[in-house]
Amino acid sequence: MKIKTKLNPIYFLFLILAGIINAVGVNLFLAPVNLYDSGFSGTAMLLAKLTPANWT
């Protein structure tokens, strides 16, 4: 069975927009009060707090 997908440039625009919204939300709301997001971004936030400053 062949699955035919079409790469539409608008999908990439939406992905970039979603990433920007997520980054702004994490930096403005979660990071200042030491709350952690789930998934990769939460793991990155936790590792940023646990590692020394010269490693980041």
PDB file of N, CA and C in Angstrom:
ATOM      1  N   MET A   1       0.845  -1.173   0.000  1.00  0.00           N
ATOM      2  CA  MET A   1       0.000   0.000   0.000  1.00  0.00           C
ATOM      3  C   MET A   1       0.893   1.239   0.000  1.00  0.00           C
ATOM      4  N   LYS A   2       0.657   2.119  -0.910  1.00  0.00           N
ATOM      5  CA  LYS A   2       1.420   3.356  -0.995  1.00  0.00           C
ATOM      6  C   LYS A   2       0.663   4.467  -0.280  1.00  0.00           C
ATOM      7  N   ILE A   3       1.405   5.200   0.503  1.00  0.00           N
ATOM      8  CA  ILE A   3       0.833   6.373   1.161  1.00  0.00           C
ATOM      9  C   ILE A   3       1.412   7.594   0.470  1.00  0.00           C
ATOM     10  N   LYS A   4       0.563   8.374  -0.091  1.00  0.00           N
ATOM     11  CA  LYS A   4       1.002   9.548  -0.833  1.00  0.00           C
ATOM     12  C   LYS A   4       0.802  10.782   0.044  1.00  0.00           C
ATOM     13  N   THR A   5       1.882  11.476   0.320  1.00  0.00           N
ATOM     14  CA  THR A   5       1.794  12.700   1.104  1.00  0.00           C
ATOM     15  C   THR A   5       2.336  13.848   0.277  1.00  0.00           C
ATOM     16  N   LYS A   6       1.781  14.971   0.506  1.00  0.00           N
ATOM     17  CA  LYS A   6       2.217  16.176  -0.192  1.00  0.00           C
ATOM     18  C   LYS A   6       2.796  17.140   0.836  1.00  0.00           C
ATOM     19  N   LEU A   7       4.009  17.549   0.607  1.00  0.00           N
ATOM     20  CA  LEU A   7       4.629  18.512   1.502  1.00  0.00           C
ATOM     21  C   LEU A   7       4.195  19.913   1.094  1.00  0.00           C
ATOM     22  N   ASN A   8       3.418  20.493   1.938  1.00  0.00           N
ATOM     23  CA  ASN A   8       2.910  21.828   1.686  1.00  0.00           C
ATOM     24  C   ASN A   8       3.741  22.820   2.496  1.00  0.00           C
ATOM     25  N   PRO A   9       4.222  23.892   1.910  1.00  0.00           N
ATOM     26  CA  PRO A   9       5.035  24.859   2.660  1.00  0.00           C
ATOM     27  C   PRO A   9       4.299  25.478   3.852  1.00  0.00           C
ATOM     28  N   ILE A  10       2.985  25.514   3.807  1.00  0.00           N
ATOM     29  CA  ILE A  10       2.238  26.102   4.919  1.00  0.00           C
ATOM     30  C   ILE A  10       2.394  25.255   6.186  1.00  0.00           C
ATOM     31  N   TYR A  11       2.620  23.928   6.022  1.00  0.00           N
ATOM     32  CA  TYR A  11       2.839  23.070   7.184  1.00  0.00           C
ATOM     33  C   TYR A  11       4.123  23.455   7.907  1.00  0.00           C
ATOM     34  N   PHE A  12       5.159  23.780   7.153  1.00  0.00           N
ATOM     35  CA  PHE A  12       6.414  24.210   7.768  1.00  0.00           C
ATOM     36  C   PHE A  12       6.257  25.551   8.467  1.00  0.00           C
ATOM     37  N   LEU A  13       5.474  26.433   7.899  1.00  0.00           N
ATOM     38  CA  LEU A  13       5.203  27.718   8.538  1.00  0.00           C
ATOM     39  C   LEU A  13       4.486  27.516   9.867  1.00  0.00           C
ATOM     40  N   PHE A  14       3.510  26.614   9.900  1.00  0.00           N
ATOM     41  CA  PHE A  14       2.795  26.335  11.134  1.00  0.00           C
ATOM     42  C   PHE A  14       3.699  25.682  12.175  1.00  0.00           C
ATOM     43  N   LEU A  15       4.600  24.815  11.750  1.00  0.00           N
ATOM     44  CA  LEU A  15       5.537  24.204  12.687  1.00  0.00           C
ATOM     45  C   LEU A  15       6.484  25.240  13.296  1.00  0.00           C
ATOM     46  N   ILE A  16       6.962  26.150  12.488  1.00  0.00           N
ATOM     47  CA  ILE A  16       7.838  27.208  12.981  1.00  0.00           C
ATOM     48  C   ILE A  16       7.084  28.121  13.940  1.00  0.00           C
ATOM     49  N   LEU A  17       5.858  28.467  13.595  1.00  0.00           N
ATOM     50  CA  LEU A  17       5.035  29.312  14.460  1.00  0.00           C
ATOM     51  C   LEU A  17       4.751  28.619  15.791  1.00  0.00           C
ATOM     52  N   ALA A  18       4.444  27.343  15.762  1.00  0.00           N
ATOM     53  CA  ALA A  18       4.199  26.591  16.995  1.00  0.00           C
ATOM     54  C   ALA A  18       5.454  26.529  17.864  1.00  0.00           C
ATOM     55  N   GLY A  19       6.610  26.372  17.255  1.00  0.00           N
ATOM     56  CA  GLY A  19       7.858  26.360  18.009  1.00  0.00           C
ATOM     57  C   GLY A  19       8.148  27.692  18.672  1.00  0.00           C
ATOM     58  N   ILE A  20       7.866  28.770  17.971  1.00  0.00           N
ATOM     59  CA  ILE A  20       8.071  30.107  18.540  1.00  0.00           C
ATOM     60  C   ILE A  20       7.126  30.340  19.709  1.00  0.00           C
ATOM     61  N   ILE A  21       5.862  29.960  19.550  1.00  0.00           N
ATOM     62  CA  ILE A  21       4.890  30.130  20.629  1.00  0.00           C
ATOM     63  C   ILE A  21       5.296  29.298  21.850  1.00  0.00           C
ATOM     64  N   ASN A  22       5.751  28.082  21.623  1.00  0.00           N
ATOM     65  CA  ASN A  22       6.196  27.234  22.731  1.00  0.00           C
ATOM     66  C   ASN A  22       7.408  27.839  23.430  1.00  0.00           C
ATOM     67  N   ALA A  23       8.366  28.328  22.679  1.00  0.00           N
ATOM     68  CA  ALA A  23       9.572  28.916  23.273  1.00  0.00           C
ATOM     69  C   ALA A  23       9.244  30.157  24.093  1.00  0.00           C
ATOM     70  N   VAL A  24       8.365  30.993  23.582  1.00  0.00           N
ATOM     71  CA  VAL A  24       7.968  32.199  24.317  1.00  0.00           C
ATOM     72  C   VAL A  24       7.234  31.813  25.595  1.00  0.00           C
ATOM     73  N   GLY A  25       6.333  30.854  25.511  1.00  0.00           N
ATOM     74  CA  GLY A  25       5.590  30.421  26.691  1.00  0.00           C
ATOM     75  C   GLY A  25       6.483  29.839  27.762  1.00  0.00           C
ATOM     76  N   VAL A  26       7.436  29.029  27.358  1.00  0.00           N
ATOM     77  CA  VAL A  26       8.351  28.424  28.332  1.00  0.00           C
ATOM     78  C   VAL A  26       9.207  29.493  28.985  1.00  0.00           C
ATOM     79  N   ASN A  27       9.742  30.412  28.205  1.00  0.00           N
ATOM     80  CA  ASN A  27      10.650  31.422  28.758  1.00  0.00           C
ATOM     81  C   ASN A  27       9.936  32.492  29.567  1.00  0.00           C
ATOM     82  N   LEU A  28       8.706  32.805  29.240  1.00  0.00           N
ATOM     83  CA  LEU A  28       7.994  33.849  29.976  1.00  0.00           C
ATOM     84  C   LEU A  28       7.233  33.334  31.189  1.00  0.00           C
ATOM     85  N   PHE A  29       6.739  32.107  31.119  1.00  0.00           N
ATOM     86  CA  PHE A  29       5.860  31.639  32.181  1.00  0.00           C
ATOM     87  C   PHE A  29       6.430  30.494  33.018  1.00  0.00           C
ATOM     88  N   LEU A  30       7.080  29.546  32.413  1.00  0.00           N
ATOM     89  CA  LEU A  30       7.532  28.374  33.161  1.00  0.00           C
ATOM     90  C   LEU A  30       8.906  28.554  33.788  1.00  0.00           C
ATOM     91  N   ALA A  31       9.864  29.040  33.045  1.00  0.00           N
ATOM     92  CA  ALA A  31      11.239  29.140  33.542  1.00  0.00           C
ATOM     93  C   ALA A  31      11.385  30.088  34.737  1.00  0.00           C
ATOM     94  N   PRO A  32      10.744  31.254  34.761  1.00  0.00           N
ATOM     95  CA  PRO A  32      10.949  32.148  35.913  1.00  0.00           C
ATOM     96  C   PRO A  32      10.458  31.587  37.249  1.00  0.00           C
ATOM     97  N   VAL A  33       9.468  30.702  37.229  1.00  0.00           N
ATOM     98  CA  VAL A  33       8.939  30.148  38.477  1.00  0.00           C
ATOM     99  C   VAL A  33       9.396  28.711  38.709  1.00  0.00           C
ATOM    100  N   ASN A  34      10.394  28.258  37.949  1.00  0.00           N
ATOM    101  CA  ASN A  34      10.988  26.930  38.074  1.00  0.00           C
ATOM    102  C   ASN A  34       9.985  25.796  37.896  1.00  0.00           C
ATOM    103  N   LEU A  35       9.053  25.949  36.985  1.00  0.00           N
ATOM    104  CA  LEU A  35       8.174  24.863  36.589  1.00  0.00           C
ATOM    105  C   LEU A  35       8.753  24.227  35.342  1.00  0.00           C
ATOM    106  N   TYR A  36       8.501  22.935  35.169  1.00  0.00           N
ATOM    107  CA  TYR A  36       9.071  22.231  34.039  1.00  0.00           C
ATOM    108  C   TYR A  36       7.975  21.743  33.107  1.00  0.00           C
ATOM    109  N   ASP A  37       8.212  21.891  31.843  1.00  0.00           N
ATOM    110  CA  ASP A  37       7.325  21.409  30.804  1.00  0.00           C
ATOM    111  C   ASP A  37       7.542  19.907  30.650  1.00  0.00           C
ATOM    112  N   SER A  38       6.687  19.251  29.914  1.00  0.00           N
ATOM    113  CA  SER A  38       6.883  17.823  29.682  1.00  0.00           C
ATOM    114  C   SER A  38       7.605  17.606  28.361  1.00  0.00           C
ATOM    115  N   GLY A  39       8.131  16.428  28.172  1.00  0.00           N
ATOM    116  CA  GLY A  39       8.771  16.082  26.912  1.00  0.00           C
ATOM    117  C   GLY A  39      10.197  16.582  26.821  1.00  0.00           C
ATOM    118  N   PHE A  40      10.620  16.842  25.587  1.00  0.00           N
ATOM    119  CA  PHE A  40      12.005  17.253  25.350  1.00  0.00           C
ATOM    120  C   PHE A  40      12.315  18.613  25.967  1.00  0.00           C
ATOM    121  N   SER A  41      11.378  19.541  25.893  1.00  0.00           N
ATOM    122  CA  SER A  41      11.652  20.872  26.437  1.00  0.00           C
ATOM    123  C   SER A  41      11.794  20.832  27.955  1.00  0.00           C
ATOM    124  N   GLY A  42      10.987  20.025  28.627  1.00  0.00           N
ATOM    125  CA  GLY A  42      11.118  19.893  30.078  1.00  0.00           C
ATOM    126  C   GLY A  42      12.412  19.230  30.478  1.00  0.00           C
ATOM    127  N   THR A  43      12.816  18.231  29.721  1.00  0.00           N
ATOM    128  CA  THR A  43      14.090  17.568  29.991  1.00  0.00           C
ATOM    129  C   THR A  43      15.245  18.540  29.786  1.00  0.00           C
ATOM    130  N   ALA A  44      15.164  19.354  28.763  1.00  0.00           N
ATOM    131  CA  ALA A  44      16.215  20.347  28.519  1.00  0.00           C
ATOM    132  C   ALA A  44      16.253  21.390  29.631  1.00  0.00           C
ATOM    133  N   MET A  45      15.076  21.802  30.116  1.00  0.00           N
ATOM    134  CA  MET A  45      15.037  22.773  31.219  1.00  0.00           C
ATOM    135  C   MET A  45      15.645  22.174  32.486  1.00  0.00           C
ATOM    136  N   LEU A  46      15.326  20.908  32.765  1.00  0.00           N
ATOM    137  CA  LEU A  46      15.865  20.249  33.946  1.00  0.00           C
ATOM    138  C   LEU A  46      17.373  20.086  33.843  1.00  0.00           C
ATOM    139  N   LEU A  47      17.858  19.666  32.686  1.00  0.00           N
ATOM    140  CA  LEU A  47      19.310  19.513  32.516  1.00  0.00           C
ATOM    141  C   LEU A  47      20.031  20.847  32.567  1.00  0.00           C
ATOM    142  N   ALA A  48      19.378  21.904  32.118  1.00  0.00           N
ATOM    143  CA  ALA A  48      19.999  23.231  32.203  1.00  0.00           C
ATOM    144  C   ALA A  48      20.176  23.665  33.664  1.00  0.00           C
ATOM    145  N   LYS A  49      19.246  23.277  34.517  1.00  0.00           N
ATOM    146  CA  LYS A  49      19.371  23.617  35.936  1.00  0.00           C
ATOM    147  C   LYS A  49      20.410  22.746  36.651  1.00  0.00           C
ATOM    148  N   LEU A  50      20.578  21.497  36.196  1.00  0.00           N
ATOM    149  CA  LEU A  50      21.455  20.566  36.893  1.00  0.00           C
ATOM    150  C   LEU A  50      22.919  20.657  36.462  1.00  0.00           C
ATOM    151  N   THR A  51      23.178  21.135  35.269  1.00  0.00           N
ATOM    152  CA  THR A  51      24.551  21.172  34.788  1.00  0.00           C
ATOM    153  C   THR A  51      25.223  22.485  35.151  1.00  0.00           C
ATOM    154  N   PRO A  52      26.535  22.475  35.275  1.00  0.00           N
ATOM    155  CA  PRO A  52      27.253  23.724  35.565  1.00  0.00           C
ATOM    156  C   PRO A  52      27.094  24.729  34.414  1.00  0.00           C
ATOM    157  N   ALA A  53      27.272  25.978  34.747  1.00  0.00           N
ATOM    158  CA  ALA A  53      27.054  27.054  33.782  1.00  0.00           C
ATOM    159  C   ALA A  53      28.029  26.980  32.604  1.00  0.00           C
ATOM    160  N   ASN A  54      29.229  26.510  32.838  1.00  0.00           N
ATOM    161  CA  ASN A  54      30.199  26.477  31.725  1.00  0.00           C
ATOM    162  C   ASN A  54      29.936  25.315  30.773  1.00  0.00           C
ATOM    163  N   TRP A  55      29.005  24.407  31.074  1.00  0.00           N
ATOM    164  CA  TRP A  55      28.656  23.316  30.165  1.00  0.00           C
ATOM    165  C   TRP A  55      27.542  23.697  29.217  1.00  0.00           C
ATOM    166  N   THR A  56      26.783  24.728  29.549  1.00  0.00           N
ATOM    167  CA  THR A  56      25.632  25.084  28.721  1.00  0.00           C
ATOM    168  C   THR A  56      25.991  26.105  27.691  1.00  0.00           C
TER     169      THR A  56
END
